[in-house]
Amino acid sequence: MSWRLTKSLARFRRLVDERWPNRDHASDGTIGDTAHQAETSGHNPDDTAGSRPEWNSDSDSVAEVRAFDMDSDLREPGTTAQQLVDHLRVLPGLDKVFRYIIFDRKIYRASNDWKPETYTGASPHTEHIHFSGAYTQAADDNETFDFRLDEVGNMALTDDDLDKVEARVLALLRGADGKRAVGQAVLGYDPGYIDGDPTKGVWPGIPDATYGKSSSTNGTVGLGTAVGTLLSRQQTNAQADAVAAQAVTTALAAVVPAVAAAVIAKLPQGADQISQAEVTEAVRVAFADAFGSASA
């Protein structure tokens, strides 16, 4: 018997394999086994004598299977099959390609707005997710639907993602409101105004007593003064000139990880496995771009 998976489901399987290249395939399936052949099932091919498909009214004469079972083990820490199901069932227009989904004793139907219903079939579908193609020729042939699988689970940041992080942090640091926000959210102070005092070249609202004391005897500068000078970027007077490279390095060593942690905290759900080192590097580069500091 010659048959094929619908073009739409075959493409979906390819996209899944690309998104989770290490996933388990042990419970994958398409064509029905003997048990499926004895009943009406999407795993049985249409346009085939003696077969019992769920739908057999498409406009072509190609023997097609309209169901795909996908193993539930994605082999990606922190990402579950349920996350994939929940992602798909809220996608606009999913009924253009899928009719229903079964997983973990629940069935989600397009006809019921993809709400979970108790599934009482012989298989609880815990080891795999069952995807049923929609009952139209257009659904069979749909090879353009955007499943947005890149939004599911814990993906490492791409170079493009890192560029976006750098750009967002850079915009924050260059804006006066952003500087104040950094001070409030990361350094834990409120200067009470937007920009630094140009006559002093620092943000006096950053207390040195909290972040380290200035000392004229040993040539060091308090962390508050260093960060204030860094943020206000006023380096034309004696006080600003006193902020040595080591002080700026000390300031960055404290601020960059804090900003990176704040960035990670704001990333979408499921992104908790993104490398701290990657985000920290993106923030460090943004600081360097913003202030032109070799010490960054």
Protein backbone atom coordinates (compact mmCIF):
# COMPACT_ATOMS: atom_id res chain seq x y z
CA MET A 1 0.00 0.00 0.00
CA SER A 2 1.45 3.35 -1.06
CA TRP A 3 0.59 6.31 1.14
CA ARG A 4 2.05 9.57 2.48
CA LEU A 5 1.57 11.93 5.39
CA THR A 6 -0.26 15.10 4.37
CA LYS A 7 2.06 17.88 3.25
CA SER A 8 1.00 19.99 6.21
CA LEU A 9 1.76 17.35 8.85
CA ALA A 10 5.00 16.34 7.13
CA ARG A 11 6.15 19.96 7.33
CA PHE A 12 5.08 20.23 10.97
CA ARG A 13 7.16 17.12 11.75
CA ARG A 14 10.18 18.68 10.03
CA LEU A 15 9.77 21.90 12.00
CA VAL A 16 9.52 19.95 15.25
CA ASP A 17 12.69 18.03 14.40
CA GLU A 18 14.50 21.28 13.63
CA ARG A 19 13.35 22.89 16.88
CA TRP A 20 14.17 19.83 19.02
CA PRO A 21 16.90 17.96 17.11
CA ASN A 22 17.64 15.70 20.10
CA ARG A 23 14.06 14.75 20.89
CA ASP A 24 13.08 11.11 21.39
CA HIS A 25 11.39 9.49 18.38
CA ALA A 26 10.53 6.16 20.02
CA SER A 27 6.79 6.90 20.22
CA ASP A 28 6.50 8.73 16.90
CA GLY A 29 3.94 7.33 14.51
CA THR A 30 1.93 7.99 11.36
CA ILE A 31 0.42 4.94 9.59
CA GLY A 32 -1.93 2.94 11.80
CA ASP A 33 -1.07 -0.47 13.24
CA THR A 34 -3.46 -3.44 13.22
CA ALA A 35 -5.50 -1.99 16.08
CA HIS A 36 -5.94 1.31 14.25
CA GLN A 37 -6.83 -0.44 11.01
CA ALA A 38 -9.73 -2.18 12.73
CA GLU A 39 -11.33 1.13 13.66
CA THR A 40 -11.92 4.55 12.20
CA SER A 41 -8.74 6.57 12.67
CA GLY A 42 -6.79 9.47 11.27
CA HIS A 43 -3.85 7.07 11.12
CA ASN A 44 -5.62 5.14 8.35
CA PRO A 45 -4.98 6.49 4.83
CA ASP A 46 -7.82 7.93 2.78
CA ASP A 47 -8.46 7.04 -0.87
CA THR A 48 -7.56 3.45 -0.04
CA ALA A 49 -9.83 0.42 -0.52
CA GLY A 50 -10.74 -1.23 2.77
CA SER A 51 -9.23 1.57 4.86
CA ARG A 52 -11.23 3.36 7.57
CA PRO A 53 -9.93 6.98 7.67
CA GLU A 54 -11.65 9.64 9.76
CA TRP A 55 -12.15 11.81 6.66
CA ASN A 56 -12.27 10.71 3.05
CA SER A 57 -13.72 13.67 1.17
CA ASP A 58 -10.67 15.58 -0.02
CA SER A 59 -10.45 16.58 -3.65
CA ASP A 60 -7.35 14.60 -4.59
CA SER A 61 -6.91 10.87 -5.06
CA VAL A 62 -3.68 10.57 -3.10
CA ALA A 63 -3.63 8.09 -0.21
CA GLU A 64 -2.85 10.30 2.77
CA VAL A 65 -2.55 9.80 6.52
CA ARG A 66 -4.01 12.71 8.46
CA ALA A 67 -2.51 12.07 11.91
CA PHE A 68 0.95 12.36 13.45
CA ASP A 69 2.03 11.02 16.83
CA MET A 70 5.00 12.88 18.33
CA ASP A 71 7.01 11.45 21.22
CA SER A 72 6.45 13.57 24.33
CA ASP A 73 10.12 13.57 25.40
CA LEU A 74 11.62 16.72 23.87
CA ARG A 75 14.94 16.15 25.66
CA GLU A 76 15.26 19.81 26.46
CA PRO A 77 15.58 20.59 30.18
CA GLY A 78 12.78 22.80 31.38
CA THR A 79 10.63 22.29 28.29
CA THR A 80 7.67 19.91 28.38
CA ALA A 81 5.25 18.46 25.87
CA GLN A 82 2.44 20.22 27.73
CA GLN A 83 4.14 23.56 27.10
CA LEU A 84 4.11 22.75 23.38
CA VAL A 85 0.43 21.79 23.47
CA ASP A 86 -0.52 24.91 25.42
CA HIS A 87 1.47 27.07 23.01
CA LEU A 88 -0.18 25.60 19.93
CA ARG A 89 -3.77 25.68 21.13
CA VAL A 90 -3.74 29.47 21.58
CA LEU A 91 -2.22 30.22 18.18
CA PRO A 92 -4.61 32.22 15.98
CA GLY A 93 -5.89 30.16 13.06
CA LEU A 94 -4.67 26.77 14.32
CA ASP A 95 -7.92 25.26 13.03
CA LYS A 96 -6.62 25.89 9.52
CA VAL A 97 -4.19 23.01 9.96
CA PHE A 98 -5.28 20.93 13.01
CA ARG A 99 -8.67 19.49 13.95
CA TYR A 100 -7.76 18.20 17.40
CA ILE A 101 -4.81 17.38 19.69
CA ILE A 102 -4.65 14.59 22.29
CA PHE A 103 -2.15 14.48 25.14
CA ASP A 104 -2.02 13.21 28.72
CA ARG A 105 -5.70 12.16 29.01
CA LYS A 106 -6.92 15.42 27.49
CA ILE A 107 -8.31 16.22 24.05
CA TYR A 108 -8.29 19.72 22.60
CA ARG A 109 -10.71 20.30 19.73
CA ALA A 110 -10.95 23.20 17.31
CA SER A 111 -14.73 22.88 17.59
CA ASN A 112 -14.49 23.63 21.33
CA ASP A 113 -12.06 26.53 21.00
CA TRP A 114 -9.17 24.23 21.99
CA LYS A 115 -10.35 23.91 25.58
CA PRO A 116 -9.15 20.78 27.40
CA GLU A 117 -11.65 17.93 27.70
CA THR A 118 -11.19 14.59 29.42
CA TYR A 119 -10.06 11.93 26.97
CA THR A 120 -11.21 8.39 27.73
CA GLY A 121 -9.71 6.48 24.82
CA ALA A 122 -7.79 3.23 25.31
CA SER A 123 -4.43 5.04 25.23
CA PRO A 124 -3.90 7.86 27.76
CA HIS A 125 -1.48 9.48 25.27
CA THR A 126 1.15 10.18 27.91
CA GLU A 127 4.09 8.96 25.87
CA HIS A 128 3.16 10.92 22.74
CA ILE A 129 1.07 13.83 21.46
CA HIS A 130 -1.50 13.04 18.76
CA PHE A 131 -2.00 15.71 16.11
CA SER A 132 -4.99 15.39 13.77
CA GLY A 133 -5.02 17.37 10.54
CA ALA A 134 -8.05 19.54 9.74
CA TYR A 135 -10.59 18.13 7.29
CA THR A 136 -9.99 20.31 4.22
CA GLN A 137 -7.83 20.03 1.14
CA ALA A 138 -6.32 23.40 2.02
CA ALA A 139 -5.31 22.01 5.43
CA ASP A 140 -3.74 18.95 3.82
CA ASP A 141 -1.61 21.16 1.58
CA ASN A 142 -0.84 24.01 4.00
CA GLU A 143 2.94 24.46 4.11
CA THR A 144 3.04 28.05 5.31
CA PHE A 145 1.33 28.09 8.73
CA ASP A 146 3.55 29.72 11.36
CA PHE A 147 3.67 27.44 14.41
CA ARG A 148 6.11 29.84 16.13
CA LEU A 149 7.98 26.96 17.71
CA ASP A 150 10.86 29.29 18.56
CA GLU A 151 8.63 30.68 21.32
CA VAL A 152 8.36 27.34 23.13
CA GLY A 153 10.64 26.48 26.01
CA ASN A 154 14.28 27.09 26.72
CA MET A 155 16.20 28.17 23.66
CA ALA A 156 19.72 29.54 23.91
CA LEU A 157 20.13 33.13 22.79
CA THR A 158 21.13 33.49 19.16
CA ASP A 159 23.56 36.17 17.99
CA ASP A 160 20.55 38.17 16.81
CA ASP A 161 18.96 37.85 20.26
CA LEU A 162 22.16 39.09 21.90
CA ASP A 163 22.28 42.04 19.52
CA LYS A 164 18.75 42.95 20.56
CA VAL A 165 19.65 42.70 24.25
CA GLU A 166 22.65 44.95 23.66
CA ALA A 167 20.54 47.47 21.75
CA ARG A 168 17.85 47.60 24.44
CA VAL A 169 20.35 48.02 27.27
CA LEU A 170 22.27 50.60 25.26
CA ALA A 171 19.12 52.64 24.68
CA LEU A 172 18.40 52.45 28.41
CA LEU A 173 21.85 53.64 29.40
CA ARG A 174 21.98 56.53 26.92
CA GLY A 175 18.66 58.04 27.95
CA ALA A 176 18.38 60.30 30.99
CA ASP A 177 15.24 58.52 32.16
CA GLY A 178 17.01 55.23 31.62
CA LYS A 179 19.95 56.30 33.74
CA ARG A 180 17.61 57.14 36.55
CA ALA A 181 15.84 53.81 36.13
CA VAL A 182 19.15 51.98 36.38
CA GLY A 183 19.92 53.87 39.55
CA GLN A 184 16.57 53.06 41.08
CA ALA A 185 16.28 49.42 39.99
CA VAL A 186 19.88 48.27 40.20
CA LEU A 187 21.85 50.59 42.44
CA GLY A 188 19.02 51.03 44.90
CA TYR A 189 18.82 54.82 45.14
CA ASP A 190 16.61 57.62 43.86
CA PRO A 191 18.53 60.78 42.91
CA GLY A 192 15.31 62.75 42.77
CA TYR A 193 16.16 64.27 39.40
CA ILE A 194 16.93 63.14 35.88
CA ASP A 195 20.50 64.09 35.07
CA GLY A 196 23.62 64.69 37.10
CA ASP A 197 24.83 68.08 38.25
CA PRO A 198 27.08 69.34 35.40
CA THR A 199 29.03 71.48 37.86
CA LYS A 200 30.07 68.43 39.83
CA GLY A 201 30.21 65.88 37.06
CA VAL A 202 28.64 63.17 39.17
CA TRP A 203 25.30 62.00 40.46
CA PRO A 204 25.51 63.09 44.10
CA GLY A 205 22.46 60.95 44.82
CA ILE A 206 24.64 57.81 44.72
CA PRO A 207 25.99 57.44 48.27
CA ASP A 208 29.61 56.47 48.49
CA ALA A 209 28.99 55.29 52.03
CA THR A 210 26.85 52.47 50.65
CA TYR A 211 29.10 51.36 47.84
CA GLY A 212 32.55 52.21 49.17
CA LYS A 213 34.22 55.34 50.58
CA SER A 214 36.41 57.78 48.69
CA SER A 215 39.95 58.13 49.86
CA SER A 216 42.30 60.85 48.75
CA THR A 217 45.18 59.19 50.53
CA ASN A 218 45.26 55.94 48.60
CA GLY A 219 44.05 57.28 45.26
CA THR A 220 40.88 55.19 45.17
CA VAL A 221 37.38 56.49 44.52
CA GLY A 222 34.16 55.28 46.09
CA LEU A 223 31.94 53.02 44.01
CA GLY A 224 29.13 55.54 44.21
CA THR A 225 31.29 58.28 42.73
CA ALA A 226 32.64 55.94 40.07
CA VAL A 227 29.18 54.82 38.95
CA GLY A 228 27.86 58.37 39.12
CA THR A 229 30.65 59.62 36.90
CA LEU A 230 30.16 56.68 34.56
CA LEU A 231 26.45 57.37 34.19
CA SER A 232 26.64 61.15 33.90
CA ARG A 233 29.65 60.92 31.59
CA GLN A 234 31.07 64.24 32.84
CA GLN A 235 34.84 63.82 32.78
CA THR A 236 36.06 67.38 32.42
CA ASN A 237 36.79 68.45 35.97
CA ALA A 238 39.11 67.38 38.74
CA GLN A 239 36.58 65.26 40.57
CA ALA A 240 35.72 63.31 37.43
CA ASP A 241 39.37 62.94 36.51
CA ALA A 242 39.95 61.31 39.88
CA VAL A 243 37.82 58.36 38.78
CA ALA A 244 40.65 56.09 37.81
CA ALA A 245 40.34 53.13 35.46
CA GLN A 246 40.36 50.74 38.39
CA ALA A 247 37.40 52.52 39.98
CA VAL A 248 35.41 52.31 36.76
CA THR A 249 36.30 48.63 36.47
CA THR A 250 35.11 48.12 40.04
CA ALA A 251 31.84 49.90 39.27
CA LEU A 252 31.24 47.83 36.17
CA ALA A 253 32.05 44.63 38.01
CA ALA A 254 29.19 45.40 40.38
CA VAL A 255 26.69 46.92 37.94
CA VAL A 256 26.96 44.69 34.87
CA PRO A 257 25.95 41.42 36.62
CA ALA A 258 23.07 43.24 38.34
CA VAL A 259 21.80 44.62 35.04
CA ALA A 260 22.22 41.19 33.42
CA ALA A 261 20.18 39.59 36.21
CA ALA A 262 17.47 42.21 35.70
CA VAL A 263 17.43 41.48 31.96
CA ILE A 264 17.11 37.73 32.53
CA ALA A 265 14.29 38.31 35.03
CA LYS A 266 12.34 40.16 32.34
CA LEU A 267 12.78 37.53 29.63
CA PRO A 268 9.70 35.53 28.54
CA GLN A 269 8.58 32.54 30.58
CA GLY A 270 10.61 29.45 29.83
CA ALA A 271 13.82 31.38 29.25
CA ASP A 272 15.31 30.64 32.67
CA GLN A 273 17.92 28.34 31.13
CA ILE A 274 19.45 31.13 29.03
CA SER A 275 23.10 31.45 29.85
CA GLN A 276 23.85 34.09 32.47
CA ALA A 277 27.25 34.49 30.85
CA GLU A 278 25.72 35.27 27.45
CA VAL A 279 23.42 37.95 28.80
CA THR A 280 26.17 39.40 30.97
CA GLU A 281 28.41 39.71 27.92
CA ALA A 282 25.62 41.46 26.01
CA VAL A 283 25.17 43.94 28.86
CA ARG A 284 28.93 44.46 29.16
CA VAL A 285 29.15 45.29 25.45
CA ALA A 286 26.23 47.71 25.81
CA PHE A 287 28.04 49.51 28.64
CA ALA A 288 31.22 49.69 26.58
CA ASP A 289 29.31 51.12 23.62
CA ALA A 290 27.46 53.62 25.80
CA PHE A 291 30.46 54.99 27.62
CA GLY A 292 33.39 54.12 25.40
CA SER A 293 35.27 52.70 28.32
CA ALA A 294 38.13 50.36 27.66
CA SER A 295 37.62 49.08 31.16
CA ALA A 296 34.19 47.73 30.19
